[in-house]
Amino acid sequence: MSYVSDLSQSQEYLSFRSGVPLRRIVVDSDNSKGWKVYDCGPRKVRCPLICLPPVSGTADIFFKQALALSAKGIRVIAAEPPVYWSVKEWCEGFKRLLDYLETDKVHIYGASLGGYLAQKFAEHTYKCPRVASLMLCNTFTDTAVFKSHESAAIYWILPGLVLKRMVMGNFMTKKVDAEIIEAIDFMVERLESLPQTELASRLTLNCIKGYVEAHKLSNIPVTIMDVFDEYALSNAVREELYKCYPQAKLAHLKSGGNFPFLSRCDEVNMHLLIHLRQFENTNVAASDKPIFTRRNSYT
């Protein structure tokens, strides 16, 4: 019997799943590999906000962002990758996905591994930029922090149960409230749904030797979003991220744990709106109408 969380039975989530179709988009020569995509909001917007999940996440973990922001006229795409075994391969696949979706540039909100890959994609395409801006949540710039370079080479042969236990060990925190517990339960449910190969590939990307050449991203607007309570990464990792982007805007959440996009969705959505507002009336606007108006601010 599979695990069922309260959040996956909520009216909001069920409304999202019934109203937004899950698309499987094949962009590689291997037809068995397909990106899983939820595309919300006005399709005419050619510079959407793309949300990239952490190791344990599926595309639907961003349902709260998709519903709230698309109601503001923002095109939100939540994207879940197929199996890739190198960052370069992931970047090439993501670029083909953007081509398929006929986007000009994209704003990327990436959580943990999603944030690292977002930075690597911006680096990968810096000579012909495809990234308009970055919003980095609880993420990192160097995989050395995991001290697992050697282990990464064998993830592909480890049983799924072992891999899931490795990931789940980072979920629990000492001080949690009802919203954080609800978010953890939902993420455990998502983790349980991942096949061994997908989880192994994500852990490999997360831990294989690599770092972000941040100087190549110096012209990209960045907002760093993190929490001040306990989460999987250390304060040293947070400080290193700040050093890499000294001009970044900071969006601090007092609490939220590993998954603030679920546990503190209103705060996260507000910060995303503030970040995207700077691009209104430009050729990289993420919305087809003003995000804020005098009489209708975000609530």
Protein backbone atom coordinates (compact mmCIF):
# COMPACT_ATOMS: atom_id res chain seq x y z
CA MET A 1 0.00 0.00 0.00
CA SER A 2 1.52 3.32 -1.10
CA TYR A 3 1.89 6.25 1.28
CA VAL A 4 -0.73 9.02 0.93
CA SER A 5 -0.13 12.50 2.35
CA ASP A 6 -2.75 15.00 3.48
CA LEU A 7 -1.47 17.61 1.02
CA SER A 8 -2.00 15.33 -1.99
CA GLN A 9 -5.64 14.97 -0.93
CA SER A 10 -6.17 18.71 -0.46
CA GLN A 11 -8.67 20.57 -2.61
CA GLU A 12 -5.93 22.88 -3.88
CA TYR A 13 -3.76 20.02 -5.12
CA LEU A 14 -6.69 18.12 -6.62
CA SER A 15 -7.78 21.32 -8.39
CA PHE A 16 -4.28 21.71 -9.83
CA ARG A 17 -4.12 18.12 -11.07
CA SER A 18 -7.59 18.28 -12.64
CA GLY A 19 -7.01 21.68 -14.24
CA VAL A 20 -3.41 21.47 -15.46
CA PRO A 21 -2.46 18.54 -17.70
CA LEU A 22 0.80 16.68 -17.18
CA ARG A 23 2.74 16.67 -20.44
CA ARG A 24 5.51 14.23 -21.33
CA ILE A 25 7.89 15.88 -23.76
CA VAL A 26 10.59 13.84 -25.51
CA VAL A 27 13.53 15.94 -26.71
CA ASP A 28 16.24 13.26 -26.83
CA SER A 29 16.93 10.57 -29.39
CA ASP A 30 15.96 7.99 -26.75
CA ASN A 31 12.16 7.98 -26.91
CA SER A 32 11.93 6.33 -23.49
CA LYS A 33 13.24 9.56 -21.91
CA GLY A 34 10.73 12.35 -21.48
CA TRP A 35 10.53 15.56 -19.46
CA LYS A 36 7.42 15.81 -17.31
CA VAL A 37 5.97 19.31 -17.54
CA TYR A 38 3.08 21.32 -16.10
CA ASP A 39 2.54 24.52 -18.10
CA CYS A 40 0.32 27.14 -16.38
CA GLY A 41 -0.67 30.62 -17.43
CA PRO A 42 -0.67 32.51 -20.77
CA ARG A 43 1.12 30.54 -23.48
CA LYS A 44 1.88 33.73 -25.41
CA VAL A 45 4.47 34.65 -22.74
CA ARG A 46 7.82 33.60 -24.21
CA CYS A 47 9.94 34.18 -21.11
CA PRO A 48 8.22 32.04 -18.47
CA LEU A 49 9.18 31.15 -14.92
CA ILE A 50 10.48 27.58 -14.83
CA CYS A 51 10.59 25.70 -11.52
CA LEU A 52 13.19 22.96 -11.03
CA PRO A 53 12.83 20.47 -8.14
CA PRO A 54 15.30 19.11 -5.58
CA VAL A 55 16.52 15.50 -5.69
CA SER A 56 13.34 14.16 -4.07
CA GLY A 57 10.86 16.29 -5.98
CA THR A 58 8.52 15.74 -8.90
CA ALA A 59 7.18 18.58 -11.05
CA ASP A 60 3.91 18.81 -9.12
CA ILE A 61 5.62 19.97 -5.90
CA PHE A 62 5.35 23.51 -7.31
CA PHE A 63 1.57 23.39 -7.60
CA LYS A 64 1.14 26.22 -5.10
CA GLN A 65 3.39 28.48 -7.19
CA ALA A 66 1.73 27.44 -10.45
CA LEU A 67 -1.78 28.20 -9.22
CA ALA A 68 -1.06 31.47 -7.43
CA LEU A 69 1.33 33.03 -9.94
CA SER A 70 -0.55 32.01 -13.09
CA ALA A 71 -3.58 33.81 -11.60
CA LYS A 72 -1.41 36.94 -11.75
CA GLY A 73 -0.78 36.46 -15.46
CA ILE A 74 2.61 34.78 -15.06
CA ARG A 75 3.41 31.74 -17.15
CA VAL A 76 4.75 29.08 -14.78
CA ILE A 77 6.30 25.84 -16.01
CA ALA A 78 7.21 23.11 -13.51
CA ALA A 79 9.68 20.73 -15.16
CA GLU A 80 10.92 17.31 -14.05
CA PRO A 81 13.85 15.81 -15.98
CA PRO A 82 14.29 12.29 -17.30
CA VAL A 83 17.41 10.27 -16.49
CA TYR A 84 20.68 12.09 -17.19
CA TRP A 85 24.04 11.02 -15.81
CA SER A 86 26.10 14.19 -16.32
CA VAL A 87 25.43 17.89 -15.82
CA LYS A 88 26.40 18.61 -19.43
CA GLU A 89 23.88 16.03 -20.66
CA TRP A 90 21.21 17.58 -18.41
CA CYS A 91 21.98 21.08 -19.72
CA GLU A 92 21.76 19.96 -23.34
CA GLY A 93 18.45 18.21 -22.64
CA PHE A 94 17.06 21.27 -20.85
CA LYS A 95 18.10 23.50 -23.75
CA ARG A 96 16.23 21.23 -26.17
CA LEU A 97 13.18 21.40 -23.90
CA LEU A 98 13.24 25.20 -23.99
CA ASP A 99 13.56 25.08 -27.78
CA TYR A 100 10.58 22.72 -27.96
CA LEU A 101 8.53 25.06 -25.75
CA GLU A 102 9.52 27.96 -28.05
CA THR A 103 10.83 30.13 -25.24
CA ASP A 104 13.20 33.03 -25.83
CA LYS A 105 14.73 33.19 -22.37
CA VAL A 106 13.53 31.87 -19.02
CA HIS A 107 13.48 32.88 -15.38
CA ILE A 108 14.40 29.88 -13.23
CA TYR A 109 13.36 29.11 -9.67
CA GLY A 110 15.49 26.20 -8.51
CA ALA A 111 15.40 24.41 -5.16
CA SER A 112 18.53 22.63 -3.89
CA LEU A 113 19.70 20.42 -6.82
CA GLY A 114 17.32 22.39 -9.06
CA GLY A 115 19.10 25.59 -8.05
CA TYR A 116 22.53 24.11 -8.74
CA LEU A 117 21.45 22.88 -12.18
CA ALA A 118 19.86 26.26 -12.94
CA GLN A 119 23.23 27.92 -12.28
CA LYS A 120 25.07 25.33 -14.38
CA PHE A 121 22.62 25.88 -17.26
CA ALA A 122 23.17 29.64 -17.07
CA GLU A 123 26.91 28.94 -17.17
CA HIS A 124 26.48 26.43 -20.03
CA THR A 125 24.65 29.00 -22.19
CA TYR A 126 26.41 32.20 -21.09
CA LYS A 127 27.82 32.90 -24.57
CA CYS A 128 24.30 32.78 -26.01
CA PRO A 129 22.20 33.52 -22.89
CA ARG A 130 18.98 31.61 -22.31
CA VAL A 131 18.53 32.58 -18.64
CA ALA A 132 16.93 35.95 -17.88
CA SER A 133 17.22 35.62 -14.10
CA LEU A 134 17.71 33.15 -11.26
CA MET A 135 15.88 32.58 -7.98
CA LEU A 136 17.94 30.17 -5.89
CA CYS A 137 16.31 28.41 -2.94
CA ASN A 138 18.30 26.47 -0.29
CA THR A 139 20.93 25.63 -2.87
CA PHE A 140 24.69 25.34 -3.40
CA THR A 141 27.48 26.19 -5.84
CA ASP A 142 29.91 23.30 -5.28
CA THR A 143 29.07 19.61 -4.91
CA ALA A 144 32.13 19.15 -2.69
CA VAL A 145 29.87 20.03 0.27
CA PHE A 146 28.35 16.55 0.07
CA LYS A 147 31.74 14.79 0.30
CA SER A 148 30.38 12.01 -1.91
CA HIS A 149 32.35 12.27 -5.16
CA GLU A 150 33.53 8.65 -4.97
CA SER A 151 30.15 7.27 -3.91
CA ALA A 152 28.44 9.03 -6.85
CA ALA A 153 30.02 6.54 -9.25
CA ILE A 154 28.04 3.63 -7.77
CA TYR A 155 24.62 5.19 -7.20
CA TRP A 156 23.35 3.68 -10.45
CA ILE A 157 23.67 0.14 -9.05
CA LEU A 158 22.34 0.75 -5.52
CA PRO A 159 18.79 -0.45 -4.72
CA GLY A 160 16.08 2.16 -4.75
CA LEU A 161 15.31 1.56 -1.07
CA VAL A 162 18.90 2.40 -0.12
CA LEU A 163 18.84 5.58 -2.21
CA LYS A 164 15.54 6.70 -0.70
CA ARG A 165 16.84 6.18 2.82
CA MET A 166 19.88 8.30 1.96
CA VAL A 167 17.66 11.17 0.81
CA MET A 168 15.11 10.83 3.60
CA GLY A 169 17.82 11.19 6.20
CA ASN A 170 17.95 14.91 5.32
CA PHE A 171 14.21 15.48 5.64
CA MET A 172 13.62 15.52 9.33
CA THR A 173 14.37 18.54 11.52
CA LYS A 174 14.10 19.04 15.27
CA LYS A 175 11.82 22.07 15.32
CA VAL A 176 8.88 21.78 12.97
CA ASP A 177 5.37 23.15 12.78
CA ALA A 178 2.26 21.71 11.12
CA GLU A 179 3.02 23.24 7.71
CA ILE A 180 6.57 21.88 7.64
CA ILE A 181 5.36 18.42 8.69
CA GLU A 182 2.75 18.54 5.94
CA ALA A 183 5.42 19.53 3.41
CA ILE A 184 7.74 16.71 4.52
CA ASP A 185 4.93 14.15 4.27
CA PHE A 186 4.14 15.32 0.73
CA MET A 187 7.81 15.15 -0.31
CA VAL A 188 8.15 11.65 1.19
CA GLU A 189 5.18 10.62 -0.96
CA ARG A 190 6.87 12.10 -4.06
CA LEU A 191 10.17 10.42 -3.20
CA GLU A 192 8.45 7.06 -2.84
CA SER A 193 7.07 7.45 -6.37
CA LEU A 194 10.48 7.85 -8.02
CA PRO A 195 11.93 4.83 -9.88
CA GLN A 196 15.44 3.72 -8.91
CA THR A 197 17.06 4.98 -12.13
CA GLU A 198 15.60 8.49 -11.81
CA LEU A 199 16.63 8.84 -8.17
CA ALA A 200 20.09 7.42 -8.88
CA SER A 201 20.63 9.87 -11.73
CA ARG A 202 19.60 12.84 -9.58
CA LEU A 203 21.87 11.82 -6.72
CA THR A 204 24.69 11.39 -9.22
CA LEU A 205 24.17 14.93 -10.57
CA ASN A 206 23.95 16.18 -6.98
CA CYS A 207 27.22 14.60 -5.86
CA ILE A 208 29.47 14.14 -8.91
CA LYS A 209 32.42 16.55 -8.86
CA GLY A 210 31.41 20.00 -10.08
CA TYR A 211 31.11 23.68 -9.19
CA VAL A 212 29.55 26.82 -10.62
CA GLU A 213 31.77 29.33 -12.43
CA ALA A 214 29.82 32.24 -10.97
CA HIS A 215 31.82 34.92 -12.83
CA LYS A 216 30.08 33.79 -16.02
CA LEU A 217 26.72 34.68 -14.42
CA SER A 218 27.69 38.21 -13.37
CA ASN A 219 25.17 39.85 -15.73
CA ILE A 220 22.21 37.74 -14.59
CA PRO A 221 19.87 39.16 -11.90
CA VAL A 222 19.84 36.78 -8.93
CA THR A 223 17.62 36.50 -5.87
CA ILE A 224 18.81 34.16 -3.14
CA MET A 225 15.96 32.70 -1.11
CA ASP A 226 16.74 30.78 2.04
CA VAL A 227 15.41 29.96 5.47
CA PHE A 228 16.87 30.70 8.88
CA ASP A 229 15.69 27.53 10.59
CA GLU A 230 17.20 24.08 10.23
CA TYR A 231 17.55 22.59 6.76
CA ALA A 232 19.78 20.07 4.99
CA LEU A 233 22.64 22.42 4.03
CA SER A 234 25.00 24.18 6.41
CA ASN A 235 25.52 27.89 7.07
CA ALA A 236 28.93 27.60 5.39
CA VAL A 237 27.21 26.55 2.16
CA ARG A 238 24.84 29.51 2.46
CA GLU A 239 27.74 31.93 2.97
CA GLU A 240 29.57 30.54 -0.07
CA LEU A 241 26.48 31.18 -2.19
CA TYR A 242 26.38 34.78 -0.95
CA LYS A 243 30.06 35.24 -1.85
CA CYS A 244 29.47 34.00 -5.39
CA TYR A 245 26.67 36.55 -5.94
CA PRO A 246 27.57 39.70 -3.98
CA GLN A 247 25.03 41.75 -5.97
CA ALA A 248 22.16 39.30 -5.39
CA LYS A 249 18.96 40.36 -3.72
CA LEU A 250 18.24 38.40 -0.54
CA ALA A 251 14.84 36.95 0.30
CA HIS A 252 15.04 35.60 3.82
CA LEU A 253 12.36 33.45 5.40
CA LYS A 254 12.39 33.14 9.18
CA SER A 255 11.43 29.48 8.87
CA GLY A 256 10.30 26.95 6.30
CA GLY A 257 12.62 23.95 6.47
CA ASN A 258 13.83 22.18 3.35
CA PHE A 259 10.71 22.85 1.30
CA PRO A 260 9.53 26.45 1.86
CA PHE A 261 7.76 26.48 -1.52
CA LEU A 262 5.24 24.19 0.19
CA SER A 263 5.44 25.11 3.87
CA ARG A 264 5.69 28.90 3.37
CA CYS A 265 4.10 29.21 -0.06
CA ASP A 266 2.63 32.69 0.50
CA GLU A 267 6.01 34.15 1.44
CA VAL A 268 7.79 32.36 -1.38
CA ASN A 269 5.20 33.48 -3.91
CA MET A 270 5.51 37.07 -2.72
CA HIS A 271 9.29 37.00 -3.16
CA LEU A 272 8.92 35.46 -6.62
CA LEU A 273 6.48 38.21 -7.61
CA ILE A 274 8.79 40.93 -6.31
CA HIS A 275 11.70 39.41 -8.25
CA LEU A 276 9.71 39.14 -11.49
CA ARG A 277 8.24 42.61 -11.20
CA GLN A 278 11.56 44.21 -12.25
CA PHE A 279 11.11 42.70 -15.72
CA GLU A 280 7.67 44.17 -16.45
CA ASN A 281 7.47 46.07 -19.77
CA THR A 282 10.69 44.46 -21.01
CA ASN A 283 11.28 41.77 -23.62
CA VAL A 284 11.82 39.24 -20.82
CA ALA A 285 8.58 39.85 -18.92
CA ALA A 286 7.20 36.66 -17.35
CA SER A 287 3.62 37.94 -17.37
CA ASP A 288 1.12 39.39 -19.81
CA LYS A 289 -0.14 42.04 -17.38
CA PRO A 290 1.13 44.10 -14.42
CA ILE A 291 1.99 41.84 -11.49
CA PHE A 292 1.06 44.46 -8.90
CA THR A 293 -1.45 47.29 -9.19
CA ARG A 294 -2.25 50.03 -6.70
CA ARG A 295 -5.60 48.52 -5.84
CA ASN A 296 -4.69 44.87 -6.22
CA SER A 297 -1.51 43.91 -4.43
CA TYR A 298 -0.55 40.29 -3.79
CA THR A 299 -2.51 38.67 -0.97
